[in-house]
């Protein structure tokens, strides 16, 4: 191109502008590519450091994990996952105030995050702030989880149940368990965890129902038989308790408490004069045996308190009434009228309940008679 043509080209403003724009576009693209490559390298480096921190966390080395997570954030400062992991590592290292600051920031960014709310609930529980702890547990239960939401919500609810039981909030714990039980999959392990907590929360009826569901799913689950036996025992359903406790022993449970509970259940069923299908002779024989045992228990309790038999307190009076009935029961039990037998049974019940309060929980036949007195209507279930 000669000088005249070049001069003509240069003096055409539109053409010059277009050329400059093209050159600028190429330059911008080049810079953008360099920036992206640099950012990509930064993120790759951050990820490598972050995974190193996760390894340290799994090895229960929170100090190293904290350093790695901080380094990862320096290369990728807006990464939510890195910041959450850093907060968890700070909690593991007992640096609670720092953790709280990070978690508060994350909660502002994602107030429905289940993971963040769970960590905040645990911090509040540690600070003995029950209201905040329960609030954040509920937000975690009904919040958003990035992975396995059903499992995480169930696990969080059970953690809340454990917290409520520690706080003595038994009724609230029962309510949470009922909500959790309503959505359980047919998995014996899940039902067993709920059943165990129902039993701990003293909701024996729902515990028994859950243990039965475990047994339906796994006919030889020894732990479920044991739990069902304990729940039925607590409900006073001694026939049911006998079946499940024996089933637990038959399936390999070796536990002194289970064996003792079964012995007591057997004594209850062998001693209860109100059981159906007993002959009149059998019923009277049981009443006499219970009457004799209660009289001995009253005397023993009085003697342990260093009291004579001529006092005016309720136990003395019961013992005196027992002595009035004793000749009739000893000599004429087979011919005693119904009123005398009812009176004898009522005296047995009152003695066993009163001596339990004055001289402690009884053992053996006295314990069986006490349980019969407390659970007359349901013992045969």
Protein backbone atom coordinates (compact mmCIF):
# COMPACT_ATOMS: atom_id res chain seq x y z
CA UNK A 1 0.00 0.00 0.00
CA UNK A 2 1.59 3.34 -1.06
CA UNK A 3 1.63 6.46 1.11
CA UNK A 4 -1.36 8.03 -0.60
CA UNK A 5 -3.55 4.99 0.02
CA UNK A 6 -2.39 4.73 3.64
CA UNK A 7 -3.08 8.39 4.19
CA UNK A 8 -6.57 7.98 2.78
CA UNK A 9 -7.23 4.97 5.03
CA UNK A 10 -6.04 6.73 8.16
CA UNK A 11 -8.31 9.66 7.50
CA UNK A 12 -11.42 7.53 7.38
CA UNK A 13 -12.59 7.70 11.05
CA UNK A 14 -15.19 4.95 10.93
CA UNK A 15 -12.70 2.44 9.57
CA UNK A 16 -10.16 3.40 12.21
CA UNK A 17 -12.75 3.03 14.98
CA UNK A 18 -13.73 -0.40 13.77
CA UNK A 19 -10.13 -1.54 13.68
CA UNK A 20 -9.53 -0.25 17.18
CA UNK A 21 -12.67 -2.00 18.45
CA UNK A 22 -11.54 -5.27 16.91
CA UNK A 23 -8.11 -4.90 18.49
CA UNK A 24 -9.71 -4.06 21.85
CA UNK A 25 -11.99 -7.06 21.63
CA UNK A 26 -9.05 -9.35 21.01
CA UNK A 27 -7.16 -7.79 23.88
CA UNK A 28 -10.16 -8.10 26.23
CA UNK A 29 -10.67 -11.73 25.27
CA UNK A 30 -7.02 -12.46 25.92
CA UNK A 31 -7.11 -10.76 29.31
CA UNK A 32 -10.39 -12.47 30.21
CA UNK A 33 -8.90 -15.81 29.33
CA UNK A 34 -5.85 -15.12 31.43
CA UNK A 35 -8.04 -14.05 34.35
CA UNK A 36 -10.20 -17.17 34.03
CA UNK A 37 -7.16 -19.36 33.87
CA UNK A 38 -5.77 -17.67 36.95
CA UNK A 39 -9.11 -18.00 38.81
CA UNK A 40 -9.38 -21.63 37.78
CA UNK A 41 -5.91 -22.34 39.09
CA UNK A 42 -6.80 -20.57 42.31
CA UNK A 43 -9.92 -22.70 42.74
CA UNK A 44 -8.03 -25.90 41.94
CA UNK A 45 -5.40 -25.00 44.49
CA UNK A 46 -8.11 -24.12 47.03
CA UNK A 47 -9.83 -27.48 46.45
CA UNK A 48 -6.56 -29.36 46.94
CA UNK A 49 -5.93 -27.58 50.24
CA UNK A 50 -9.55 -28.09 51.30
CA UNK A 51 -9.42 -31.85 50.75
CA UNK A 52 -6.21 -31.97 52.73
CA UNK A 53 -8.11 -30.23 55.52
CA UNK A 54 -10.90 -32.81 55.30
CA UNK A 55 -8.33 -35.57 55.77
CA UNK A 56 -7.00 -33.78 58.85
CA UNK A 57 -10.57 -33.45 60.15
CA UNK A 58 -11.23 -37.16 59.67
CA UNK A 59 -8.03 -37.87 61.59
CA UNK A 60 -9.33 -35.67 64.42
CA UNK A 61 -6.67 -33.03 63.90
CA UNK A 62 -8.77 -29.84 64.02
CA UNK A 63 -5.81 -27.44 64.25
CA UNK A 64 -4.45 -28.61 60.88
CA UNK A 65 -7.95 -28.65 59.40
CA UNK A 66 -8.53 -25.05 60.50
CA UNK A 67 -5.27 -23.90 58.89
CA UNK A 68 -6.11 -25.70 55.65
CA UNK A 69 -9.66 -24.38 55.48
CA UNK A 70 -8.46 -20.85 56.10
CA UNK A 71 -5.89 -21.25 53.32
CA UNK A 72 -8.55 -22.63 50.97
CA UNK A 73 -10.75 -19.63 51.71
CA UNK A 74 -7.90 -17.24 50.94
CA UNK A 75 -7.88 -18.63 47.38
CA UNK A 76 -11.67 -18.98 47.12
CA UNK A 77 -13.10 -16.51 49.65
CA UNK A 78 -16.79 -16.85 48.71
CA UNK A 79 -16.92 -20.63 48.96
CA UNK A 80 -19.82 -21.50 51.29
CA UNK A 81 -18.72 -25.11 51.80
CA UNK A 82 -15.21 -24.13 52.87
CA UNK A 83 -16.57 -21.62 55.36
CA UNK A 84 -18.97 -24.16 56.86
CA UNK A 85 -16.18 -26.72 57.21
CA UNK A 86 -14.03 -24.10 58.90
CA UNK A 87 -16.83 -23.37 61.39
CA UNK A 88 -17.18 -27.08 62.18
CA UNK A 89 -13.42 -27.42 62.68
CA UNK A 90 -13.45 -24.45 65.04
CA UNK A 91 -16.18 -26.14 67.07
CA UNK A 92 -14.14 -29.35 67.17
CA UNK A 93 -11.19 -27.31 68.47
CA UNK A 94 -13.39 -25.69 71.17
CA UNK A 95 -13.05 -22.26 69.57
CA UNK A 96 -16.73 -21.59 69.97
CA UNK A 97 -16.89 -17.82 69.58
CA UNK A 98 -15.00 -17.89 66.28
CA UNK A 99 -17.24 -20.70 65.08
CA UNK A 100 -20.33 -18.76 66.11
CA UNK A 101 -19.20 -15.74 64.06
CA UNK A 102 -18.79 -17.83 60.91
CA UNK A 103 -22.07 -19.67 61.48
CA UNK A 104 -23.93 -16.38 62.00
CA UNK A 105 -22.61 -15.13 58.65
CA UNK A 106 -23.61 -18.36 56.95
CA UNK A 107 -27.08 -18.22 58.53
CA UNK A 108 -27.58 -14.75 57.08
CA UNK A 109 -26.66 -16.06 53.64
CA UNK A 110 -28.75 -19.23 53.90
CA UNK A 111 -31.16 -19.12 56.87
CA UNK A 112 -32.77 -22.46 55.92
CA UNK A 113 -29.53 -24.41 55.74
CA UNK A 114 -30.02 -27.53 57.88
CA UNK A 115 -26.31 -28.08 58.50
CA UNK A 116 -25.74 -24.53 59.74
CA UNK A 117 -28.80 -24.60 62.01
CA UNK A 118 -27.71 -27.92 63.49
CA UNK A 119 -24.33 -26.45 64.46
CA UNK A 120 -26.05 -23.39 65.92
CA UNK A 121 -28.39 -25.66 67.91
CA UNK A 122 -25.43 -27.53 69.38
CA UNK A 123 -23.72 -24.29 70.37
CA UNK A 124 -26.91 -23.03 72.00
CA UNK A 125 -27.29 -26.33 73.86
CA UNK A 126 -23.71 -26.02 75.07
CA UNK A 127 -24.49 -22.51 76.31
CA UNK A 128 -27.57 -23.88 78.12
CA UNK A 129 -29.82 -21.71 76.01
CA UNK A 130 -32.67 -24.17 75.68
CA UNK A 131 -35.02 -21.95 73.69
CA UNK A 132 -32.43 -21.15 71.01
CA UNK A 133 -31.27 -24.75 70.89
CA UNK A 134 -34.79 -26.06 70.25
CA UNK A 135 -35.44 -23.27 67.72
CA UNK A 136 -32.35 -24.15 65.67
CA UNK A 137 -32.98 -27.89 65.95
CA UNK A 138 -36.42 -27.35 64.45
CA UNK A 139 -35.00 -25.13 61.71
CA UNK A 140 -32.52 -27.88 60.92
CA UNK A 141 -35.23 -30.56 60.88
CA UNK A 142 -37.42 -28.57 58.49
CA UNK A 143 -34.55 -26.91 56.64
CA UNK A 144 -32.67 -27.67 53.43
CA UNK A 145 -29.94 -30.30 53.23
CA UNK A 146 -27.59 -30.67 50.30
CA UNK A 147 -27.31 -34.47 50.69
CA UNK A 148 -29.51 -37.25 52.09
CA UNK A 149 -32.16 -34.90 53.54
CA UNK A 150 -34.42 -37.61 55.02
CA UNK A 151 -31.59 -39.26 56.93
CA UNK A 152 -30.20 -35.94 58.15
CA UNK A 153 -33.60 -34.72 59.33
CA UNK A 154 -34.27 -37.98 61.17
CA UNK A 155 -30.82 -37.93 62.77
CA UNK A 156 -31.32 -34.31 63.83
CA UNK A 157 -34.72 -35.04 65.35
CA UNK A 158 -33.26 -37.91 67.37
CA UNK A 159 -30.50 -35.60 68.57
CA UNK A 160 -33.21 -33.15 69.64
CA UNK A 161 -35.01 -35.97 71.46
CA UNK A 162 -31.83 -36.83 73.35
CA UNK A 163 -31.37 -33.17 74.24
CA UNK A 164 -34.96 -32.87 75.48
CA UNK A 165 -34.58 -35.98 77.62
CA UNK A 166 -31.40 -34.54 79.13
CA UNK A 167 -33.35 -31.39 79.93
CA UNK A 168 -36.15 -33.38 81.57
CA UNK A 169 -38.65 -32.35 78.88
CA UNK A 170 -40.14 -35.82 78.58
CA UNK A 171 -43.48 -34.83 77.03
CA UNK A 172 -41.79 -32.74 74.33
CA UNK A 173 -39.44 -35.63 73.60
CA UNK A 174 -42.42 -37.96 73.20
CA UNK A 175 -44.03 -35.54 70.73
CA UNK A 176 -40.86 -35.46 68.62
CA UNK A 177 -40.67 -39.25 68.66
CA UNK A 178 -44.28 -39.59 67.54
CA UNK A 179 -43.56 -37.23 64.63
CA UNK A 180 -40.48 -39.23 63.69
CA UNK A 181 -42.23 -42.61 63.94
CA UNK A 182 -44.95 -41.47 61.54
CA UNK A 183 -42.51 -41.30 58.61
CA UNK A 184 -40.25 -44.29 59.23
CA UNK A 185 -39.33 -46.62 56.40
CA UNK A 186 -39.73 -50.38 57.02
CA UNK A 187 -36.22 -50.67 58.43
CA UNK A 188 -35.81 -52.59 61.73
CA UNK A 189 -32.78 -50.50 62.75
CA UNK A 190 -34.77 -47.27 62.42
CA UNK A 191 -37.74 -48.61 64.37
CA UNK A 192 -35.40 -49.93 67.06
CA UNK A 193 -33.78 -46.53 67.59
CA UNK A 194 -37.21 -44.92 67.95
CA UNK A 195 -38.43 -47.71 70.26
CA UNK A 196 -35.43 -47.37 72.58
CA UNK A 197 -36.03 -43.65 72.93
CA UNK A 198 -39.76 -44.12 73.51
CA UNK A 199 -38.82 -46.45 76.37
CA UNK A 200 -36.35 -43.90 77.76
CA UNK A 201 -39.05 -41.22 77.50
CA UNK A 202 -41.36 -43.48 79.56
CA UNK A 203 -43.84 -43.85 76.70
CA UNK A 204 -44.09 -47.61 77.10
CA UNK A 205 -47.16 -48.05 74.87
CA UNK A 206 -45.51 -46.48 71.82
CA UNK A 207 -42.25 -48.25 72.66
CA UNK A 208 -44.03 -51.61 72.64
CA UNK A 209 -45.65 -50.78 69.30
CA UNK A 210 -42.27 -49.93 67.74
CA UNK A 211 -40.57 -53.05 69.15
CA UNK A 212 -43.37 -55.13 67.67
CA UNK A 213 -42.74 -53.54 64.29
CA UNK A 214 -39.06 -54.46 64.59
CA UNK A 215 -40.06 -58.06 65.31
CA UNK A 216 -42.41 -58.09 62.32
CA UNK A 217 -39.48 -57.05 60.12
CA UNK A 218 -36.91 -59.29 61.87
CA UNK A 219 -38.45 -62.25 63.68
CA UNK A 220 -35.27 -63.13 65.58
CA UNK A 221 -34.18 -59.68 66.74
CA UNK A 222 -33.24 -60.47 70.36
CA UNK A 223 -32.91 -56.80 71.35
CA UNK A 224 -36.44 -56.06 70.17
CA UNK A 225 -37.81 -58.96 72.23
CA UNK A 226 -36.01 -57.62 75.28
CA UNK A 227 -37.30 -54.08 74.70
CA UNK A 228 -40.83 -55.32 74.10
CA UNK A 229 -40.65 -57.31 77.34
CA UNK A 230 -39.49 -54.26 79.31
CA UNK A 231 -42.19 -52.06 77.77
CA UNK A 232 -44.94 -54.60 78.49
CA UNK A 233 -43.62 -54.99 82.05
CA UNK A 234 -43.78 -51.21 82.57
CA UNK A 235 -47.38 -51.26 81.28
CA UNK A 236 -48.31 -54.02 83.71
CA UNK A 237 -49.09 -56.38 80.82
CA UNK A 238 -47.37 -59.34 82.43
CA UNK A 239 -48.58 -62.10 80.12
CA UNK A 240 -47.21 -60.16 77.15
CA UNK A 241 -44.01 -59.35 79.07
CA UNK A 242 -43.53 -63.05 79.86
CA UNK A 243 -43.74 -63.98 76.18
CA UNK A 244 -41.27 -61.35 75.01
CA UNK A 245 -38.78 -61.73 77.88
CA UNK A 246 -38.68 -65.49 77.36
CA UNK A 247 -38.24 -64.83 73.65
CA UNK A 248 -35.24 -62.60 74.39
CA UNK A 249 -33.57 -65.33 76.49
CA UNK A 250 -34.35 -67.95 73.85
CA UNK A 251 -32.61 -65.78 71.26
CA UNK A 252 -29.38 -65.44 73.19
CA UNK A 253 -29.87 -62.46 75.48
CA UNK A 254 -27.78 -63.03 78.61
CA UNK A 255 -28.73 -60.36 81.08
CA UNK A 256 -29.39 -60.62 84.81
CA UNK A 257 -31.99 -57.85 84.63
CA UNK A 258 -34.01 -59.68 81.97
CA UNK A 259 -33.86 -62.92 83.97
CA UNK A 260 -34.93 -61.14 87.16
CA UNK A 261 -37.78 -59.42 85.36
CA UNK A 262 -38.97 -62.75 83.95
CA UNK A 263 -38.89 -64.35 87.41
CA UNK A 264 -41.01 -61.50 88.75
CA UNK A 265 -43.46 -61.81 85.86
CA UNK A 266 -43.78 -65.55 86.48
CA UNK A 267 -44.44 -64.89 90.18
CA UNK A 268 -47.13 -62.35 89.31
CA UNK A 269 -48.92 -64.77 87.01
CA UNK A 270 -48.55 -67.65 89.49
CA UNK A 271 -49.77 -65.58 92.47
CA UNK A 272 -52.53 -63.37 91.04
CA UNK A 273 -55.85 -64.60 92.52
CA UNK A 274 -57.86 -62.62 89.98
CA UNK A 275 -56.61 -64.59 86.99
CA UNK A 276 -59.41 -66.10 84.91
CA UNK A 277 -60.06 -69.84 84.73
CA UNK A 278 -58.91 -70.53 88.31
CA UNK A 279 -60.98 -72.95 90.37
CA UNK A 280 -62.42 -71.70 93.64
CA UNK A 281 -59.88 -73.82 95.53
CA UNK A 282 -56.97 -72.39 93.56
CA UNK A 283 -58.21 -68.85 94.04
CA UNK A 284 -58.59 -69.26 97.79
CA UNK A 285 -55.14 -70.86 98.07
CA UNK A 286 -53.58 -67.88 96.31
CA UNK A 287 -55.39 -65.44 98.57
CA UNK A 288 -54.16 -67.28 101.67
CA UNK A 289 -50.55 -67.32 100.38
CA UNK A 290 -50.71 -63.59 99.55
CA UNK A 291 -52.27 -62.83 102.95
CA UNK A 292 -49.55 -64.69 104.83
CA UNK A 293 -46.79 -63.01 102.82
CA UNK A 294 -48.23 -59.53 103.37
CA UNK A 295 -48.51 -60.11 107.13
CA UNK A 296 -44.85 -61.12 107.33
CA UNK A 297 -43.87 -58.11 105.21
CA UNK A 298 -45.75 -55.71 107.53
CA UNK A 299 -44.11 -57.18 110.62
CA UNK A 300 -40.64 -57.08 109.06
CA UNK A 301 -41.12 -53.45 108.04
CA UNK A 302 -42.26 -52.47 111.54
CA UNK A 303 -39.30 -54.23 113.10
CA UNK A 304 -36.86 -52.55 110.71
CA UNK A 305 -38.21 -49.20 111.92
CA UNK A 306 -37.79 -50.25 115.56
CA UNK A 307 -41.50 -49.93 116.21
CA UNK A 308 -43.64 -52.19 118.33
CA UNK A 309 -47.04 -53.47 117.21
CA UNK A 310 -49.09 -51.14 119.39
CA UNK A 311 -48.68 -47.88 117.48
CA UNK A 312 -51.32 -45.72 115.85
CA UNK A 313 -49.74 -45.06 112.44
CA UNK A 314 -51.29 -46.58 109.29
CA UNK A 315 -48.93 -49.55 109.09
CA UNK A 316 -49.62 -50.50 112.72
CA UNK A 317 -53.32 -50.27 112.02
CA UNK A 318 -52.99 -52.45 108.93
CA UNK A 319 -51.02 -55.02 110.86
CA UNK A 320 -53.68 -54.99 113.59
CA UNK A 321 -56.41 -55.51 111.01
CA UNK A 322 -54.40 -58.33 109.47
CA UNK A 323 -54.21 -60.03 112.88
CA UNK A 324 -57.98 -59.76 113.25
CA UNK A 325 -58.46 -61.50 109.89
CA UNK A 326 -55.73 -64.08 110.44
CA UNK A 327 -57.78 -66.64 112.46
CA UNK A 328 -60.53 -66.64 109.84
CA UNK A 329 -58.05 -67.08 107.01
CA UNK A 330 -55.99 -69.70 108.82
CA UNK A 331 -58.80 -71.94 110.01
CA UNK A 332 -61.67 -71.30 107.62
CA UNK A 333 -60.15 -70.13 104.35
CA UNK A 334 -61.94 -72.79 102.37
CA UNK A 335 -65.25 -71.75 103.93
CA UNK A 336 -64.62 -68.00 104.29
CA UNK A 337 -67.31 -65.86 102.78
CA UNK A 338 -66.66 -63.62 99.81
CA UNK A 339 -66.60 -60.50 101.99
CA UNK A 340 -63.75 -61.90 104.10
CA UNK A 341 -61.74 -62.86 101.04
CA UNK A 342 -62.20 -59.43 99.47
CA UNK A 343 -61.18 -57.83 102.76
CA UNK A 344 -58.07 -60.02 102.89
CA UNK A 345 -57.10 -59.10 99.35
CA UNK A 346 -57.61 -55.41 100.04
CA UNK A 347 -55.45 -55.69 103.16
CA UNK A 348 -52.69 -57.38 101.15
CA UNK A 349 -52.81 -54.59 98.58
CA UNK A 350 -52.67 -51.83 101.19
CA UNK A 351 -49.83 -53.48 103.14
CA UNK A 352 -47.66 -54.03 100.06
CA UNK A 353 -48.15 -50.47 98.82
CA UNK A 354 -47.59 -48.85 102.21
CA UNK A 355 -44.51 -50.91 103.07
CA UNK A 356 -43.04 -50.06 99.65
CA UNK A 357 -43.16 -46.38 100.60
CA UNK A 358 -41.91 -46.89 104.17
CA UNK A 359 -39.34 -49.67 103.75
CA UNK A 360 -38.35 -49.54 100.09
CA UNK A 361 -39.23 -51.58 97.01
CA UNK A 362 -39.73 -55.26 97.94
CA UNK A 363 -38.30 -58.37 96.33
CA UNK A 364 -39.63 -61.78 95.34
CA UNK A 365 -43.23 -62.54 96.13
CA UNK A 366 -43.75 -59.19 97.86
CA UNK A 367 -42.75 -57.43 94.66
CA UNK A 368 -45.15 -59.62 92.69
CA UNK A 369 -47.98 -58.78 95.09
CA UNK A 370 -47.17 -55.08 94.87
CA UNK A 371 -47.31 -55.22 91.06
CA UNK A 372 -50.61 -57.09 91.19
CA UNK A 373 -52.00 -54.37 93.44
CA UNK A 374 -50.84 -51.65 91.05
CA UNK A 375 -51.98 -53.33 87.84
CA UNK A 376 -55.04 -55.42 88.61
CA UNK A 377 -56.83 -54.73 85.35
CA UNK A 378 -54.07 -55.41 82.80
CA UNK A 379 -51.91 -58.18 84.29
CA UNK A 380 -53.42 -60.86 82.03
CA UNK A 381 -52.81 -58.98 78.78
